[in-house]
PDB file of N, CA and C in Angstrom:
ATOM      1  N   MET A   1     -37.302 -18.939 -10.464  1.00  0.00           N
ATOM      2  CA  MET A   1     -37.610 -17.331  -9.725  1.00  0.00           C
ATOM      3  C   MET A   1     -36.907 -16.522 -10.591  1.00  0.00           C
ATOM      4  N   LYS A   2     -37.504 -15.739 -10.898  1.00  0.00           N
ATOM      5  CA  LYS A   2     -36.952 -14.721 -11.990  1.00  0.00           C
ATOM      6  C   LYS A   2     -37.057 -12.818 -11.126  1.00  0.00           C
ATOM      7  N   LEU A   3     -35.919 -12.335 -10.910  1.00  0.00           N
ATOM      8  CA  LEU A   3     -36.060 -11.032 -10.088  1.00  0.00           C
ATOM      9  C   LEU A   3     -36.011 -10.271 -11.599  1.00  0.00           C
ATOM     10  N   TYR A   4     -36.231  -8.971 -11.212  1.00  0.00           N
ATOM     11  CA  TYR A   4     -36.868  -8.218 -12.504  1.00  0.00           C
ATOM     12  C   TYR A   4     -36.553  -6.688 -11.718  1.00  0.00           C
ATOM     13  N   SER A   5     -35.789  -5.641 -12.946  1.00  0.00           N
ATOM     14  CA  SER A   5     -35.700  -4.336 -12.376  1.00  0.00           C
ATOM     15  C   SER A   5     -36.951  -3.794 -12.562  1.00  0.00           C
ATOM     16  N   LYS A   6     -37.004  -2.581 -11.775  1.00  0.00           N
ATOM     17  CA  LYS A   6     -38.329  -1.684 -11.935  1.00  0.00           C
ATOM     18  C   LYS A   6     -38.902  -1.493 -12.988  1.00  0.00           C
ATOM     19  N   ASP A   7     -38.224  -1.487 -14.291  1.00  0.00           N
ATOM     20  CA  ASP A   7     -38.573  -1.288 -15.577  1.00  0.00           C
ATOM     21  C   ASP A   7     -39.129  -2.495 -15.909  1.00  0.00           C
ATOM     22  N   GLY A   8     -39.333  -3.804 -15.852  1.00  0.00           N
ATOM     23  CA  GLY A   8     -39.531  -5.025 -15.964  1.00  0.00           C
ATOM     24  C   GLY A   8     -38.136  -5.686 -16.646  1.00  0.00           C
ATOM     25  N   VAL A   9     -37.356  -5.199 -16.566  1.00  0.00           N
ATOM     26  CA  VAL A   9     -35.966  -5.893 -17.325  1.00  0.00           C
ATOM     27  C   VAL A   9     -35.581  -7.109 -16.664  1.00  0.00           C
ATOM     28  N   GLU A  10     -35.266  -8.310 -17.073  1.00  0.00           N
ATOM     29  CA  GLU A  10     -35.304  -9.689 -16.235  1.00  0.00           C
ATOM     30  C   GLU A  10     -33.642  -9.311 -15.934  1.00  0.00           C
ATOM     31  N   MET A  11     -33.471  -9.565 -14.435  1.00  0.00           N
ATOM     32  CA  MET A  11     -31.870  -9.132 -14.133  1.00  0.00           C
ATOM     33  C   MET A  11     -31.183 -10.311 -13.446  1.00  0.00           C
ATOM     34  N   MET A  12     -31.919 -11.522 -12.998  1.00  0.00           N
ATOM     35  CA  MET A  12     -31.474 -12.793 -12.544  1.00  0.00           C
ATOM     36  C   MET A  12     -32.609 -13.779 -12.910  1.00  0.00           C
ATOM     37  N   ASP A  13     -32.496 -14.795 -13.249  1.00  0.00           N
ATOM     38  CA  ASP A  13     -33.207 -15.929 -13.139  1.00  0.00           C
ATOM     39  C   ASP A  13     -32.697 -16.875 -12.256  1.00  0.00           C
ATOM     40  N   VAL A  14     -33.009 -17.476 -11.313  1.00  0.00           N
ATOM     41  CA  VAL A  14     -32.454 -18.037  -9.983  1.00  0.00           C
ATOM     42  C   VAL A  14     -32.941 -19.402 -10.359  1.00  0.00           C
ATOM     43  N   LYS A  15     -32.112 -20.599 -10.647  1.00  0.00           N
ATOM     44  CA  LYS A  15     -32.148 -21.835 -10.927  1.00  0.00           C
ATOM     45  C   LYS A  15     -32.536 -22.833  -9.705  1.00  0.00           C
ATOM     46  N   SER A  16     -31.520 -22.260  -8.457  1.00  0.00           N
ATOM     47  CA  SER A  16     -31.397 -23.249  -7.209  1.00  0.00           C
ATOM     48  C   SER A  16     -30.862 -22.498  -6.015  1.00  0.00           C
ATOM     49  N   ILE A  17     -31.325 -22.601  -5.077  1.00  0.00           N
ATOM     50  CA  ILE A  17     -31.049 -22.417  -4.054  1.00  0.00           C
ATOM     51  C   ILE A  17     -30.896 -23.447  -2.835  1.00  0.00           C
ATOM     52  N   ASP A  18     -29.299 -23.697  -2.446  1.00  0.00           N
ATOM     53  CA  ASP A  18     -29.241 -24.310  -1.771  1.00  0.00           C
ATOM     54  C   ASP A  18     -28.609 -24.217  -0.334  1.00  0.00           C
ATOM     55  N   LEU A  19     -27.962 -25.185   0.691  1.00  0.00           N
ATOM     56  CA  LEU A  19     -27.433 -25.153   1.486  1.00  0.00           C
ATOM     57  C   LEU A  19     -25.657 -25.736   1.276  1.00  0.00           C
ATOM     58  N   ASP A  20     -24.712 -25.172   1.472  1.00  0.00           N
ATOM     59  CA  ASP A  20     -23.662 -25.659   1.186  1.00  0.00           C
ATOM     60  C   ASP A  20     -23.010 -25.098   3.088  1.00  0.00           C
ATOM     61  N   GLY A  21     -22.815 -25.931   3.911  1.00  0.00           N
ATOM     62  CA  GLY A  21     -22.478 -26.058   5.188  1.00  0.00           C
ATOM     63  C   GLY A  21     -23.914 -24.842   5.696  1.00  0.00           C
ATOM     64  N   ASP A  22     -23.105 -23.578   6.416  1.00  0.00           N
ATOM     65  CA  ASP A  22     -24.130 -22.929   6.873  1.00  0.00           C
ATOM     66  C   ASP A  22     -24.587 -21.734   5.583  1.00  0.00           C
ATOM     67  N   ARG A  23     -23.914 -21.608   4.910  1.00  0.00           N
ATOM     68  CA  ARG A  23     -24.194 -20.802   3.648  1.00  0.00           C
ATOM     69  C   ARG A  23     -25.069 -21.014   2.839  1.00  0.00           C
ATOM     70  N   LEU A  24     -25.958 -20.002   2.232  1.00  0.00           N
ATOM     71  CA  LEU A  24     -26.816 -20.334   1.318  1.00  0.00           C
ATOM     72  C   LEU A  24     -26.554 -20.102  -0.247  1.00  0.00           C
ATOM     73  N   VAL A  25     -26.278 -21.168  -0.979  1.00  0.00           N
ATOM     74  CA  VAL A  25     -25.843 -20.851  -2.580  1.00  0.00           C
ATOM     75  C   VAL A  25     -26.920 -20.829  -3.431  1.00  0.00           C
ATOM     76  N   ILE A  26     -26.779 -20.096  -3.943  1.00  0.00           N
ATOM     77  CA  ILE A  26     -27.764 -19.544  -5.051  1.00  0.00           C
ATOM     78  C   ILE A  26     -27.275 -19.709  -6.693  1.00  0.00           C
ATOM     79  N   LYS A  27     -27.220 -20.467  -7.532  1.00  0.00           N
ATOM     80  CA  LYS A  27     -27.255 -20.593  -8.822  1.00  0.00           C
ATOM     81  C   LYS A  27     -28.252 -19.680  -9.823  1.00  0.00           C
ATOM     82  N   GLY A  28     -27.772 -19.267 -10.774  1.00  0.00           N
ATOM     83  CA  GLY A  28     -28.591 -18.858 -11.934  1.00  0.00           C
ATOM     84  C   GLY A  28     -27.705 -17.740 -13.138  1.00  0.00           C
ATOM     85  N   LYS A  29     -28.785 -17.298 -13.480  1.00  0.00           N
ATOM     86  CA  LYS A  29     -28.129 -16.386 -14.577  1.00  0.00           C
ATOM     87  C   LYS A  29     -28.640 -15.225 -14.616  1.00  0.00           C
ATOM     88  N   MET A  30     -27.192 -14.436 -14.577  1.00  0.00           N
ATOM     89  CA  MET A  30     -27.588 -12.845 -14.476  1.00  0.00           C
ATOM     90  C   MET A  30     -27.676 -11.903 -16.053  1.00  0.00           C
ATOM     91  N   MET A  31     -28.632 -11.256 -16.123  1.00  0.00           N
ATOM     92  CA  MET A  31     -28.683 -10.560 -17.179  1.00  0.00           C
ATOM     93  C   MET A  31     -29.032 -11.497 -18.509  1.00  0.00           C
ATOM     94  N   GLY A  32     -29.678 -12.571 -18.118  1.00  0.00           N
ATOM     95  CA  GLY A  32     -29.778 -13.878 -19.301  1.00  0.00           C
ATOM     96  C   GLY A  32     -28.790 -14.372 -19.983  1.00  0.00           C
ATOM     97  N   ALA A  33     -27.715 -13.772 -19.262  1.00  0.00           N
ATOM     98  CA  ALA A  33     -26.187 -14.433 -20.402  1.00  0.00           C
ATOM     99  C   ALA A  33     -25.196 -14.985 -19.306  1.00  0.00           C
ATOM    100  N   MET A  34     -25.144 -14.650 -18.459  1.00  0.00           N
ATOM    101  CA  MET A  34     -24.020 -14.904 -17.156  1.00  0.00           C
ATOM    102  C   MET A  34     -24.412 -15.782 -16.333  1.00  0.00           C
ATOM    103  N   ALA A  35     -23.587 -17.267 -16.272  1.00  0.00           N
ATOM    104  CA  ALA A  35     -23.729 -18.048 -15.189  1.00  0.00           C
ATOM    105  C   ALA A  35     -23.454 -17.692 -14.042  1.00  0.00           C
ATOM    106  N   ALA A  36     -24.262 -17.771 -12.872  1.00  0.00           N
ATOM    107  CA  ALA A  36     -23.453 -16.934 -11.579  1.00  0.00           C
ATOM    108  C   ALA A  36     -23.799 -18.039 -10.295  1.00  0.00           C
ATOM    109  N   THR A  37     -22.999 -17.984  -9.622  1.00  0.00           N
ATOM    110  CA  THR A  37     -23.149 -18.901  -8.161  1.00  0.00           C
ATOM    111  C   THR A  37     -22.456 -17.824  -7.044  1.00  0.00           C
ATOM    112  N   ILE A  38     -23.940 -17.597  -6.304  1.00  0.00           N
ATOM    113  CA  ILE A  38     -23.212 -16.550  -5.385  1.00  0.00           C
ATOM    114  C   ILE A  38     -23.818 -17.704  -3.767  1.00  0.00           C
ATOM    115  N   HIS A  39     -22.791 -16.968  -3.057  1.00  0.00           N
ATOM    116  CA  HIS A  39     -22.955 -17.819  -1.693  1.00  0.00           C
ATOM    117  C   HIS A  39     -23.112 -16.719  -0.685  1.00  0.00           C
ATOM    118  N   VAL A  40     -24.056 -17.004   0.440  1.00  0.00           N
ATOM    119  CA  VAL A  40     -24.649 -15.978   1.076  1.00  0.00           C
ATOM    120  C   VAL A  40     -24.257 -16.505   2.689  1.00  0.00           C
ATOM    121  N   ALA A  41     -22.951 -15.706   3.237  1.00  0.00           N
ATOM    122  CA  ALA A  41     -23.137 -16.309   4.961  1.00  0.00           C
ATOM    123  C   ALA A  41     -24.506 -15.569   5.784  1.00  0.00           C
ATOM    124  N   PRO A  42     -24.436 -16.244   6.850  1.00  0.00           N
ATOM    125  CA  PRO A  42     -25.317 -16.154   7.973  1.00  0.00           C
ATOM    126  C   PRO A  42     -25.438 -14.524   8.216  1.00  0.00           C
ATOM    127  N   VAL A  43     -24.619 -14.191   8.473  1.00  0.00           N
ATOM    128  CA  VAL A  43     -24.460 -12.577   8.996  1.00  0.00           C
ATOM    129  C   VAL A  43     -24.715 -11.867   7.847  1.00  0.00           C
ATOM    130  N   ASP A  44     -24.842 -12.206   6.557  1.00  0.00           N
ATOM    131  CA  ASP A  44     -25.324 -11.639   5.406  1.00  0.00           C
ATOM    132  C   ASP A  44     -26.600 -11.756   5.144  1.00  0.00           C
ATOM    133  N   MET A  45     -27.213 -12.925   5.407  1.00  0.00           N
ATOM    134  CA  MET A  45     -28.956 -13.408   5.837  1.00  0.00           C
ATOM    135  C   MET A  45     -29.498 -12.598   6.640  1.00  0.00           C
ATOM    136  N   TRP A  46     -29.081 -12.391   7.996  1.00  0.00           N
ATOM    137  CA  TRP A  46     -28.809 -11.558   8.856  1.00  0.00           C
ATOM    138  C   TRP A  46     -29.537  -9.806   8.805  1.00  0.00           C
ATOM    139  N   ALA A  47     -28.610  -9.504   7.598  1.00  0.00           N
ATOM    140  CA  ALA A  47     -28.306  -7.970   7.361  1.00  0.00           C
ATOM    141  C   ALA A  47     -29.458  -7.996   6.485  1.00  0.00           C
ATOM    142  N   ALA A  48     -29.709  -8.838   5.204  1.00  0.00           N
ATOM    143  CA  ALA A  48     -30.866  -8.819   4.216  1.00  0.00           C
ATOM    144  C   ALA A  48     -32.271  -9.161   5.162  1.00  0.00           C
ATOM    145  N   PHE A  49     -32.176  -9.540   6.269  1.00  0.00           N
ATOM    146  CA  PHE A  49     -33.389  -9.694   7.030  1.00  0.00           C
ATOM    147  C   PHE A  49     -33.954  -8.362   7.812  1.00  0.00           C
ATOM    148  N   ARG A  50     -32.922  -7.697   7.912  1.00  0.00           N
ATOM    149  CA  ARG A  50     -33.054  -6.266   9.056  1.00  0.00           C
ATOM    150  C   ARG A  50     -33.390  -5.502   7.852  1.00  0.00           C
ATOM    151  N   LEU A  51     -33.156  -5.025   6.357  1.00  0.00           N
ATOM    152  CA  LEU A  51     -33.622  -4.713   5.756  1.00  0.00           C
ATOM    153  C   LEU A  51     -35.409  -4.348   5.530  1.00  0.00           C
ATOM    154  N   PHE A  52     -35.746  -5.368   5.709  1.00  0.00           N
ATOM    155  CA  PHE A  52     -37.048  -5.696   5.575  1.00  0.00           C
ATOM    156  C   PHE A  52     -38.123  -4.668   6.610  1.00  0.00           C
ATOM    157  N   SER A  53     -38.769  -3.954   6.094  1.00  0.00           N
ATOM    158  CA  SER A  53     -39.493  -3.104   7.436  1.00  0.00           C
ATOM    159  C   SER A  53     -40.803  -4.426   8.012  1.00  0.00           C
ATOM    160  N   TRP A  54     -40.880  -3.989   9.360  1.00  0.00           N
ATOM    161  CA  TRP A  54     -42.184  -4.470   9.982  1.00  0.00           C
ATOM    162  C   TRP A  54     -42.982  -4.968   9.342  1.00  0.00           C
ATOM    163  N   ARG A  55     -43.800  -3.894   8.645  1.00  0.00           N
ATOM    164  CA  ARG A  55     -44.865  -4.161   7.818  1.00  0.00           C
ATOM    165  C   ARG A  55     -44.775  -5.270   7.043  1.00  0.00           C
ATOM    166  N   VAL A  56     -43.181  -5.296   6.102  1.00  0.00           N
ATOM    167  CA  VAL A  56     -43.364  -6.167   4.875  1.00  0.00           C
ATOM    168  C   VAL A  56     -43.007  -7.404   5.702  1.00  0.00           C
ATOM    169  N   LYS A  57     -42.339  -8.214   6.889  1.00  0.00           N
ATOM    170  CA  LYS A  57     -41.952  -8.951   7.737  1.00  0.00           C
ATOM    171  C   LYS A  57     -43.065  -9.363   8.559  1.00  0.00           C
ATOM    172  N   LEU A  58     -44.289  -8.767   8.387  1.00  0.00           N
ATOM    173  CA  LEU A  58     -45.846  -9.069   9.064  1.00  0.00           C
ATOM    174  C   LEU A  58     -46.551  -9.850   8.237  1.00  0.00           C
ATOM    175  N   ARG A  59     -46.431  -8.779   6.902  1.00  0.00           N
ATOM    176  CA  ARG A  59     -47.124  -9.669   5.369  1.00  0.00           C
ATOM    177  C   ARG A  59     -46.498 -10.946   4.820  1.00  0.00           C
ATOM    178  N   MET A  60     -45.159 -11.413   5.157  1.00  0.00           N
ATOM    179  CA  MET A  60     -44.311 -12.054   4.706  1.00  0.00           C
ATOM    180  C   MET A  60     -45.025 -13.630   4.595  1.00  0.00           C
ATOM    181  N   PRO A  61     -45.908 -13.882   5.641  1.00  0.00           N
ATOM    182  CA  PRO A  61     -46.797 -15.105   5.621  1.00  0.00           C
ATOM    183  C   PRO A  61     -47.460 -15.065   4.518  1.00  0.00           C
ATOM    184  N   GLY A  62     -48.505 -14.222   4.552  1.00  0.00           N
ATOM    185  CA  GLY A  62     -49.440 -13.894   3.817  1.00  0.00           C
ATOM    186  C   GLY A  62     -49.322 -13.697   2.128  1.00  0.00           C
ATOM    187  N   LEU A  63     -48.109 -13.234   1.614  1.00  0.00           N
ATOM    188  CA  LEU A  63     -47.681 -13.356   0.411  1.00  0.00           C
ATOM    189  C   LEU A  63     -46.909 -14.699   0.166  1.00  0.00           C
ATOM    190  N   LEU A  64     -46.480 -15.691   1.090  1.00  0.00           N
ATOM    191  CA  LEU A  64     -46.005 -16.666   0.899  1.00  0.00           C
ATOM    192  C   LEU A  64     -47.143 -17.573   0.501  1.00  0.00           C
ATOM    193  N   LEU A  65     -48.153 -17.406   1.462  1.00  0.00           N
ATOM    194  CA  LEU A  65     -49.417 -18.030   0.712  1.00  0.00           C
ATOM    195  C   LEU A  65     -49.948 -17.724  -0.206  1.00  0.00           C
ATOM    196  N   ARG A  66     -49.993 -16.550  -0.397  1.00  0.00           N
ATOM    197  CA  ARG A  66     -50.754 -16.183  -2.182  1.00  0.00           C
ATOM    198  C   ARG A  66     -49.702 -17.141  -3.055  1.00  0.00           C
ATOM    199  N   GLY A  67     -48.538 -16.513  -2.934  1.00  0.00           N
ATOM    200  CA  GLY A  67     -47.606 -17.182  -4.034  1.00  0.00           C
ATOM    201  C   GLY A  67     -47.530 -18.929  -4.357  1.00  0.00           C
ATOM    202  N   TRP A  68     -48.325 -19.395  -3.423  1.00  0.00           N
ATOM    203  CA  TRP A  68     -48.244 -20.795  -3.053  1.00  0.00           C
ATOM    204  C   TRP A  68     -49.636 -21.191  -3.868  1.00  0.00           C
ATOM    205  N   LEU A  69     -50.609 -20.499  -3.714  1.00  0.00           N
ATOM    206  CA  LEU A  69     -51.986 -20.700  -4.227  1.00  0.00           C
ATOM    207  C   LEU A  69     -51.778 -20.292  -5.284  1.00  0.00           C
ATOM    208  N   GLN A  70     -51.481 -19.180  -5.747  1.00  0.00           N
ATOM    209  CA  GLN A  70     -51.212 -19.009  -7.221  1.00  0.00           C
ATOM    210  C   GLN A  70     -50.656 -20.294  -8.399  1.00  0.00           C
ATOM    211  N   GLU A  71     -49.456 -20.387  -7.888  1.00  0.00           N
ATOM    212  CA  GLU A  71     -48.297 -21.677  -8.302  1.00  0.00           C
ATOM    213  C   GLU A  71     -49.552 -22.781  -8.681  1.00  0.00           C
ATOM    214  N   ARG A  72     -50.297 -23.115  -7.625  1.00  0.00           N
ATOM    215  CA  ARG A  72     -51.019 -24.431  -7.347  1.00  0.00           C
ATOM    216  C   ARG A  72     -52.076 -24.385  -8.425  1.00  0.00           C
ATOM    217  N   ARG A  73     -52.890 -23.090  -8.521  1.00  0.00           N
ATOM    218  CA  ARG A  73     -54.023 -22.950  -9.810  1.00  0.00           C
ATOM    219  C   ARG A  73     -53.161 -22.631 -11.095  1.00  0.00           C
ATOM    220  N   ALA A  74     -51.603 -22.376 -11.405  1.00  0.00           N
ATOM    221  CA  ALA A  74     -51.478 -22.314 -12.278  1.00  0.00           C
ATOM    222  C   ALA A  74     -51.177 -23.784 -13.372  1.00  0.00           C
ATOM    223  N   ALA A  75     -50.479 -24.803 -11.789  1.00  0.00           N
ATOM    224  CA  ALA A  75     -50.272 -26.025 -12.437  1.00  0.00           C
ATOM    225  C   ALA A  75     -51.159 -26.846 -12.577  1.00  0.00           C
ATOM    226  N   SER A  76     -52.851 -26.679 -11.876  1.00  0.00           N
ATOM    227  CA  SER A  76     -53.758 -27.500 -12.225  1.00  0.00           C
ATOM    228  C   SER A  76     -54.508 -27.143 -13.187  1.00  0.00           C
ATOM    229  N   GLY A  77     -54.503 -25.752 -13.640  1.00  0.00           N
ATOM    230  CA  GLY A  77     -55.197 -25.562 -15.232  1.00  0.00           C
ATOM    231  C   GLY A  77     -54.471 -24.909 -16.104  1.00  0.00           C
TER     232      GLY A  77
END
């Protein structure tokens, strides 16, 4: 997964998201050069979830489905 700035500049290339106990561990490269391991605690996950508006929360299942379908089409074609 790649995260981009508003201008289309790649900010982070996420290589994996895993669990270490009750924390998320995100591994990747920042700005294409610096390896990074980010640890996210449950309280911070909840804080991040609260940043989403209700509109985004309600559309999230559809967005996930759309991404899954696009990935399947790309893999098969």
